[in-house]
Amino acid sequence: MGAIVTIMMASAAPAGQVAEMPLPQLADLAGQVIVGRVTAIGSYWTGSPRTIETELTFDQTEYLKGAHAGASSAYSLVIPGGTVGDFTLRLSAAPEFAIGEKWMLFLLPTYKTHPVVGIFRGALRIESDG
């Protein structure tokens, strides 16, 4: 029997909502802004406290802000949540990623809960016209 756990985020906004953030504010808060395509997703149990994390791998990564010396087109990002066996952990309002999707991510320089600015506000999925 599996379990699904949802973590609700506390904020000044009404329950289940994240405050509106215009693009300039997202960019100001971000330490890095990247655009890349998801090529791999791997979830696993962590140590202490025991929880589930997911490593996302992006390819064809462009750095719109915060590129460091030696930055490559492959980018790895660890986010809270995921599925391991029969257990799933999800953060309320967190974006869900799939292999092949292209994303623009506004990433916080440091974080305690989720690496994306405003959780879903700073995660923009890019779709092509054709």
C-alpha atoms as a PDB file:
ATOM      1  CA  MET A   1       0.000   0.000   0.000  1.00  0.00           C
ATOM      2  CA  GLY A   2       1.487   3.353  -1.028  1.00  0.00           C
ATOM      3  CA  ALA A   3       1.411   6.675   0.722  1.00  0.00           C
ATOM      4  CA  ILE A   4       1.131  10.176  -0.653  1.00  0.00           C
ATOM      5  CA  VAL A   5       2.286  13.056   1.526  1.00  0.00           C
ATOM      6  CA  THR A   6       1.671  16.706   0.646  1.00  0.00           C
ATOM      7  CA  ILE A   7       3.564  19.487   2.419  1.00  0.00           C
ATOM      8  CA  MET A   8       1.719  22.803   2.601  1.00  0.00           C
ATOM      9  CA  MET A   9       3.785  25.973   2.503  1.00  0.00           C
ATOM     10  CA  ALA A  10       3.118  28.758   5.020  1.00  0.00           C
ATOM     11  CA  SER A  11       2.948  32.270   3.621  1.00  0.00           C
ATOM     12  CA  ALA A  12       1.194  35.596   4.032  1.00  0.00           C
ATOM     13  CA  ALA A  13      -0.922  34.745   0.977  1.00  0.00           C
ATOM     14  CA  PRO A  14      -4.183  32.827   1.399  1.00  0.00           C
ATOM     15  CA  ALA A  15      -3.818  29.084   2.033  1.00  0.00           C
ATOM     16  CA  GLY A  16      -2.483  27.189  -0.978  1.00  0.00           C
ATOM     17  CA  GLN A  17      -1.392  30.350  -2.816  1.00  0.00           C
ATOM     18  CA  VAL A  18       1.988  31.926  -3.479  1.00  0.00           C
ATOM     19  CA  ALA A  19       2.136  35.717  -3.763  1.00  0.00           C
ATOM     20  CA  GLU A  20       2.165  37.170  -7.293  1.00  0.00           C
ATOM     21  CA  MET A  21       5.673  38.009  -8.535  1.00  0.00           C
ATOM     22  CA  PRO A  22       6.404  39.968 -11.726  1.00  0.00           C
ATOM     23  CA  LEU A  23       9.395  38.857 -13.839  1.00  0.00           C
ATOM     24  CA  PRO A  24      11.698  41.668 -12.604  1.00  0.00           C
ATOM     25  CA  GLN A  25      11.112  40.559  -8.994  1.00  0.00           C
ATOM     26  CA  LEU A  26      11.773  36.894  -9.887  1.00  0.00           C
ATOM     27  CA  ALA A  27      15.024  37.931 -11.605  1.00  0.00           C
ATOM     28  CA  ASP A  28      16.093  40.111  -8.647  1.00  0.00           C
ATOM     29  CA  LEU A  29      15.564  37.267  -6.152  1.00  0.00           C
ATOM     30  CA  ALA A  30      17.271  34.644  -8.319  1.00  0.00           C
ATOM     31  CA  GLY A  31      20.950  33.803  -8.015  1.00  0.00           C
ATOM     32  CA  GLN A  32      20.725  31.942 -11.328  1.00  0.00           C
ATOM     33  CA  VAL A  33      18.276  31.882 -14.208  1.00  0.00           C
ATOM     34  CA  ILE A  34      18.576  28.904 -16.529  1.00  0.00           C
ATOM     35  CA  VAL A  35      16.795  27.496 -19.556  1.00  0.00           C
ATOM     36  CA  GLY A  36      17.189  23.772 -20.198  1.00  0.00           C
ATOM     37  CA  ARG A  37      15.531  20.534 -21.256  1.00  0.00           C
ATOM     38  CA  VAL A  38      14.914  17.774 -18.694  1.00  0.00           C
ATOM     39  CA  THR A  39      16.846  14.652 -19.710  1.00  0.00           C
ATOM     40  CA  ALA A  40      16.732  12.574 -16.508  1.00  0.00           C
ATOM     41  CA  ILE A  41      14.721  12.377 -13.288  1.00  0.00           C
ATOM     42  CA  GLY A  42      15.816  10.248 -10.343  1.00  0.00           C
ATOM     43  CA  SER A  43      14.129  10.094  -6.933  1.00  0.00           C
ATOM     44  CA  TYR A  44      15.708   8.599  -3.809  1.00  0.00           C
ATOM     45  CA  TRP A  45      15.470   8.458  -0.016  1.00  0.00           C
ATOM     46  CA  THR A  46      17.700  10.843   1.919  1.00  0.00           C
ATOM     47  CA  GLY A  47      19.284  10.304   5.344  1.00  0.00           C
ATOM     48  CA  SER A  48      18.357  12.433   8.322  1.00  0.00           C
ATOM     49  CA  PRO A  49      15.594  13.490   8.457  1.00  0.00           C
ATOM     50  CA  ARG A  50      14.395  10.721   6.179  1.00  0.00           C
ATOM     51  CA  THR A  51      12.588  12.173   3.182  1.00  0.00           C
ATOM     52  CA  ILE A  52      12.431  11.867  -0.609  1.00  0.00           C
ATOM     53  CA  GLU A  53      14.401  14.080  -2.985  1.00  0.00           C
ATOM     54  CA  THR A  54      14.612  14.127  -6.773  1.00  0.00           C
ATOM     55  CA  GLU A  55      17.604  14.957  -8.921  1.00  0.00           C
ATOM     56  CA  LEU A  56      16.728  16.611 -12.227  1.00  0.00           C
ATOM     57  CA  THR A  57      19.252  16.676 -15.056  1.00  0.00           C
ATOM     58  CA  PHE A  58      18.962  19.354 -17.729  1.00  0.00           C
ATOM     59  CA  ASP A  59      20.742  19.433 -21.078  1.00  0.00           C
ATOM     60  CA  GLN A  60      21.244  22.253 -23.578  1.00  0.00           C
ATOM     61  CA  THR A  61      21.303  24.604 -20.576  1.00  0.00           C
ATOM     62  CA  GLU A  62      21.541  28.335 -21.199  1.00  0.00           C
ATOM     63  CA  TYR A  63      22.506  30.612 -18.317  1.00  0.00           C
ATOM     64  CA  LEU A  64      20.578  33.873 -18.453  1.00  0.00           C
ATOM     65  CA  LYS A  65      21.923  34.928 -15.048  1.00  0.00           C
ATOM     66  CA  GLY A  66      24.564  33.560 -12.705  1.00  0.00           C
ATOM     67  CA  ALA A  67      26.757  31.551 -15.067  1.00  0.00           C
ATOM     68  CA  HIS A  68      29.982  30.573 -13.321  1.00  0.00           C
ATOM     69  CA  ALA A  69      33.357  29.801 -14.843  1.00  0.00           C
ATOM     70  CA  GLY A  70      33.334  26.345 -16.365  1.00  0.00           C
ATOM     71  CA  ALA A  71      29.511  26.083 -16.467  1.00  0.00           C
ATOM     72  CA  SER A  72      28.480  23.322 -18.864  1.00  0.00           C
ATOM     73  CA  SER A  73      25.348  22.640 -20.877  1.00  0.00           C
ATOM     74  CA  ALA A  74      24.463  19.824 -18.441  1.00  0.00           C
ATOM     75  CA  TYR A  75      22.880  21.071 -15.206  1.00  0.00           C
ATOM     76  CA  SER A  76      21.797  19.107 -12.130  1.00  0.00           C
ATOM     77  CA  LEU A  77      19.195  20.318  -9.633  1.00  0.00           C
ATOM     78  CA  VAL A  78      17.950  18.583  -6.483  1.00  0.00           C
ATOM     79  CA  ILE A  79      14.379  19.317  -5.433  1.00  0.00           C
ATOM     80  CA  PRO A  80      12.319  18.014  -2.511  1.00  0.00           C
ATOM     81  CA  GLY A  81       9.723  15.338  -3.233  1.00  0.00           C
ATOM     82  CA  GLY A  82       9.323  12.521  -5.709  1.00  0.00           C
ATOM     83  CA  THR A  83       8.314   8.870  -5.814  1.00  0.00           C
ATOM     84  CA  VAL A  84      10.328   5.940  -4.483  1.00  0.00           C
ATOM     85  CA  GLY A  85       8.577   2.578  -4.715  1.00  0.00           C
ATOM     86  CA  ASP A  86       5.066   2.956  -3.306  1.00  0.00           C
ATOM     87  CA  PHE A  87       5.803   6.259  -1.530  1.00  0.00           C
ATOM     88  CA  THR A  88       5.260   9.737  -3.013  1.00  0.00           C
ATOM     89  CA  LEU A  89       6.146  13.078  -1.440  1.00  0.00           C
ATOM     90  CA  ARG A  90       4.839  16.274  -3.069  1.00  0.00           C
ATOM     91  CA  LEU A  91       5.193  19.923  -2.118  1.00  0.00           C
ATOM     92  CA  SER A  92       1.999  21.882  -2.588  1.00  0.00           C
ATOM     93  CA  ALA A  93       2.314  24.265  -5.559  1.00  0.00           C
ATOM     94  CA  ALA A  94       5.688  22.831  -6.642  1.00  0.00           C
ATOM     95  CA  PRO A  95       6.121  22.293 -10.390  1.00  0.00           C
ATOM     96  CA  GLU A  96       6.145  18.736 -11.713  1.00  0.00           C
ATOM     97  CA  PHE A  97       8.828  17.987 -14.269  1.00  0.00           C
ATOM     98  CA  ALA A  98       8.830  15.395 -17.072  1.00  0.00           C
ATOM     99  CA  ILE A  99      11.602  14.172 -19.350  1.00  0.00           C
ATOM    100  CA  GLY A 100      11.724  16.147 -22.596  1.00  0.00           C
ATOM    101  CA  GLU A 101      10.153  19.316 -21.191  1.00  0.00           C
ATOM    102  CA  LYS A 102      11.976  22.628 -21.561  1.00  0.00           C
ATOM    103  CA  TRP A 103      11.941  25.010 -18.578  1.00  0.00           C
ATOM    104  CA  MET A 104      13.097  28.474 -17.565  1.00  0.00           C
ATOM    105  CA  LEU A 105      13.961  28.368 -13.853  1.00  0.00           C
ATOM    106  CA  PHE A 106      14.640  31.284 -11.515  1.00  0.00           C
ATOM    107  CA  LEU A 107      16.789  29.644  -8.832  1.00  0.00           C
ATOM    108  CA  LEU A 108      17.397  30.990  -5.343  1.00  0.00           C
ATOM    109  CA  PRO A 109      21.026  31.472  -4.233  1.00  0.00           C
ATOM    110  CA  THR A 110      20.210  29.666  -0.938  1.00  0.00           C
ATOM    111  CA  TYR A 111      17.013  27.989   0.215  1.00  0.00           C
ATOM    112  CA  LYS A 112      15.472  25.835   2.943  1.00  0.00           C
ATOM    113  CA  THR A 113      12.412  24.378   1.223  1.00  0.00           C
ATOM    114  CA  HIS A 114      12.557  24.605  -2.585  1.00  0.00           C
ATOM    115  CA  PRO A 115      15.268  25.970  -4.920  1.00  0.00           C
ATOM    116  CA  VAL A 116      12.878  27.791  -7.288  1.00  0.00           C
ATOM    117  CA  VAL A 117      11.885  31.399  -6.493  1.00  0.00           C
ATOM    118  CA  GLY A 118       8.226  31.461  -5.400  1.00  0.00           C
ATOM    119  CA  ILE A 119       8.059  27.673  -5.850  1.00  0.00           C
ATOM    120  CA  PHE A 120       5.969  27.559  -9.054  1.00  0.00           C
ATOM    121  CA  ARG A 121       6.186  31.292  -9.866  1.00  0.00           C
ATOM    122  CA  GLY A 122       9.829  30.965 -10.889  1.00  0.00           C
ATOM    123  CA  ALA A 123       9.328  27.802 -12.960  1.00  0.00           C
ATOM    124  CA  LEU A 124       8.137  28.526 -16.483  1.00  0.00           C
ATOM    125  CA  ARG A 125       7.586  25.594 -18.862  1.00  0.00           C
ATOM    126  CA  ILE A 126       8.428  26.488 -22.463  1.00  0.00           C
ATOM    127  CA  GLU A 127       6.261  25.014 -25.202  1.00  0.00           C
ATOM    128  CA  SER A 128       6.955  25.221 -28.912  1.00  0.00           C
ATOM    129  CA  ASP A 129       4.350  26.352 -31.433  1.00  0.00           C
ATOM    130  CA  GLY A 130       4.725  23.312 -33.619  1.00  0.00           C
END
